[in-house]
Amino acid sequence: MSRVGMRDADAPPGGGPFYGADLVAALAAVPPEVRVLVDRYLAENPGGRERLIPLLHRVQQALGHLPYDVQDYVADRLGLAPVEVHGVVSFYHFFTTVPRG
């Protein structure tokens, strides 16, 4: 089940910021054009987690950076934990969470 559809009762002990209403609110902050970009890419490129880095490249190319709300949206759409996406973004030097310029 997608984390967006997870009920608060299904959250792990201690809850956490990425379950229930908190996740829905965070994902609502993602611009519609980014949602379209992500969803279109995933529809055109079936597969699994191997799509993460190419998808992050496309999103960063469109936005200039990868805000945390967008990372959470990507994680949700790929069925990954947000920390997995944050880890990839922070590991690779070519990704940035703040606009460069």
Protein backbone atom coordinates (compact mmCIF):
# COMPACT_ATOMS: atom_id res chain seq x y z
CA MET A 1 0.00 0.00 0.00
CA SER A 2 1.21 3.50 -0.76
CA ARG A 3 2.15 5.49 2.30
CA VAL A 4 -0.36 8.14 1.20
CA GLY A 5 -3.16 5.63 1.66
CA MET A 6 -1.87 4.39 4.99
CA ARG A 7 -4.10 5.09 7.94
CA ASP A 8 -2.56 6.59 11.08
CA ALA A 9 -3.36 3.32 12.85
CA ASP A 10 -1.07 1.53 10.35
CA ALA A 11 1.89 3.79 11.10
CA PRO A 12 4.83 2.31 12.96
CA PRO A 13 5.13 2.92 16.72
CA GLY A 14 5.88 6.57 17.32
CA GLY A 15 4.17 7.57 14.09
CA GLY A 16 6.66 9.65 12.18
CA PRO A 17 6.31 12.51 9.76
CA PHE A 18 5.65 10.42 6.67
CA TYR A 19 2.38 8.73 7.54
CA GLY A 20 -1.25 9.74 7.35
CA ALA A 21 -2.22 13.38 7.28
CA ASP A 22 1.38 14.60 7.60
CA LEU A 23 2.41 12.88 4.37
CA VAL A 24 -0.68 14.05 2.52
CA ALA A 25 0.06 17.65 3.57
CA ALA A 26 3.72 17.36 2.52
CA LEU A 27 2.82 15.91 -0.87
CA ALA A 28 0.23 18.63 -1.47
CA ALA A 29 3.13 21.13 -1.54
CA VAL A 30 4.54 19.51 -4.70
CA PRO A 31 3.86 21.71 -7.75
CA PRO A 32 1.38 20.17 -10.23
CA GLU A 33 3.90 20.32 -13.08
CA VAL A 34 6.30 18.19 -11.04
CA ARG A 35 3.56 15.67 -10.32
CA VAL A 36 2.85 15.44 -14.06
CA LEU A 37 6.56 15.07 -14.87
CA VAL A 38 7.06 12.30 -12.31
CA ASP A 39 3.88 10.43 -13.16
CA ARG A 40 4.53 10.64 -16.91
CA TYR A 41 8.10 9.37 -16.50
CA LEU A 42 6.95 6.44 -14.37
CA ALA A 43 4.19 5.55 -16.84
CA GLU A 44 6.62 5.64 -19.78
CA ASN A 45 9.39 3.73 -17.97
CA PRO A 46 8.05 0.67 -16.17
CA GLY A 47 10.30 -0.94 -13.65
CA GLY A 48 11.37 -0.55 -10.06
CA ARG A 49 13.83 1.40 -8.00
CA GLU A 50 16.32 1.56 -10.88
CA ARG A 51 14.24 4.48 -12.15
CA LEU A 52 15.15 6.64 -9.15
CA ILE A 53 18.34 8.35 -10.37
CA PRO A 54 17.12 9.09 -13.91
CA LEU A 55 13.86 10.43 -12.47
CA LEU A 56 15.70 12.65 -9.98
CA HIS A 57 17.81 14.00 -12.86
CA ARG A 58 14.69 14.93 -14.83
CA VAL A 59 13.05 16.62 -11.87
CA GLN A 60 16.19 18.55 -10.98
CA GLN A 61 16.57 19.63 -14.59
CA ALA A 62 13.02 21.01 -14.50
CA LEU A 63 13.24 22.70 -11.08
CA GLY A 64 16.95 23.40 -10.70
CA HIS A 65 17.05 21.52 -7.38
CA LEU A 66 15.30 18.76 -5.43
CA PRO A 67 13.25 20.14 -2.54
CA TYR A 68 12.39 17.70 0.24
CA ASP A 69 8.67 17.72 -0.59
CA VAL A 70 9.51 16.65 -4.14
CA GLN A 71 11.84 13.93 -2.85
CA ASP A 72 9.00 12.65 -0.67
CA TYR A 73 6.65 12.60 -3.66
CA VAL A 74 9.19 10.64 -5.73
CA ALA A 75 9.65 8.21 -2.84
CA ASP A 76 5.91 7.71 -2.53
CA ARG A 77 5.42 7.13 -6.26
CA LEU A 78 8.28 4.60 -6.36
CA GLY A 79 7.17 2.85 -3.17
CA LEU A 80 10.39 3.75 -1.37
CA ALA A 81 10.97 5.17 2.08
CA PRO A 82 11.71 8.91 1.94
CA VAL A 83 15.04 8.29 3.66
CA GLU A 84 16.13 6.14 0.70
CA VAL A 85 15.58 9.02 -1.72
CA HIS A 86 17.14 11.57 0.65
CA GLY A 87 20.17 9.26 0.94
CA VAL A 88 20.64 9.12 -2.83
CA VAL A 89 20.24 12.89 -3.18
CA SER A 90 22.73 13.61 -0.41
CA PHE A 91 25.24 11.01 -1.64
CA TYR A 92 25.63 12.17 -5.23
CA HIS A 93 27.33 15.55 -5.74
CA PHE A 94 25.29 16.34 -8.86
CA PHE A 95 22.04 16.54 -6.88
CA THR A 96 21.20 19.57 -4.76
CA THR A 97 18.38 20.43 -2.38
CA VAL A 98 18.83 24.19 -2.82
CA PRO A 99 18.80 26.24 -6.01
CA ARG A 100 22.25 26.93 -7.42
CA GLY A 101 23.06 29.96 -9.37
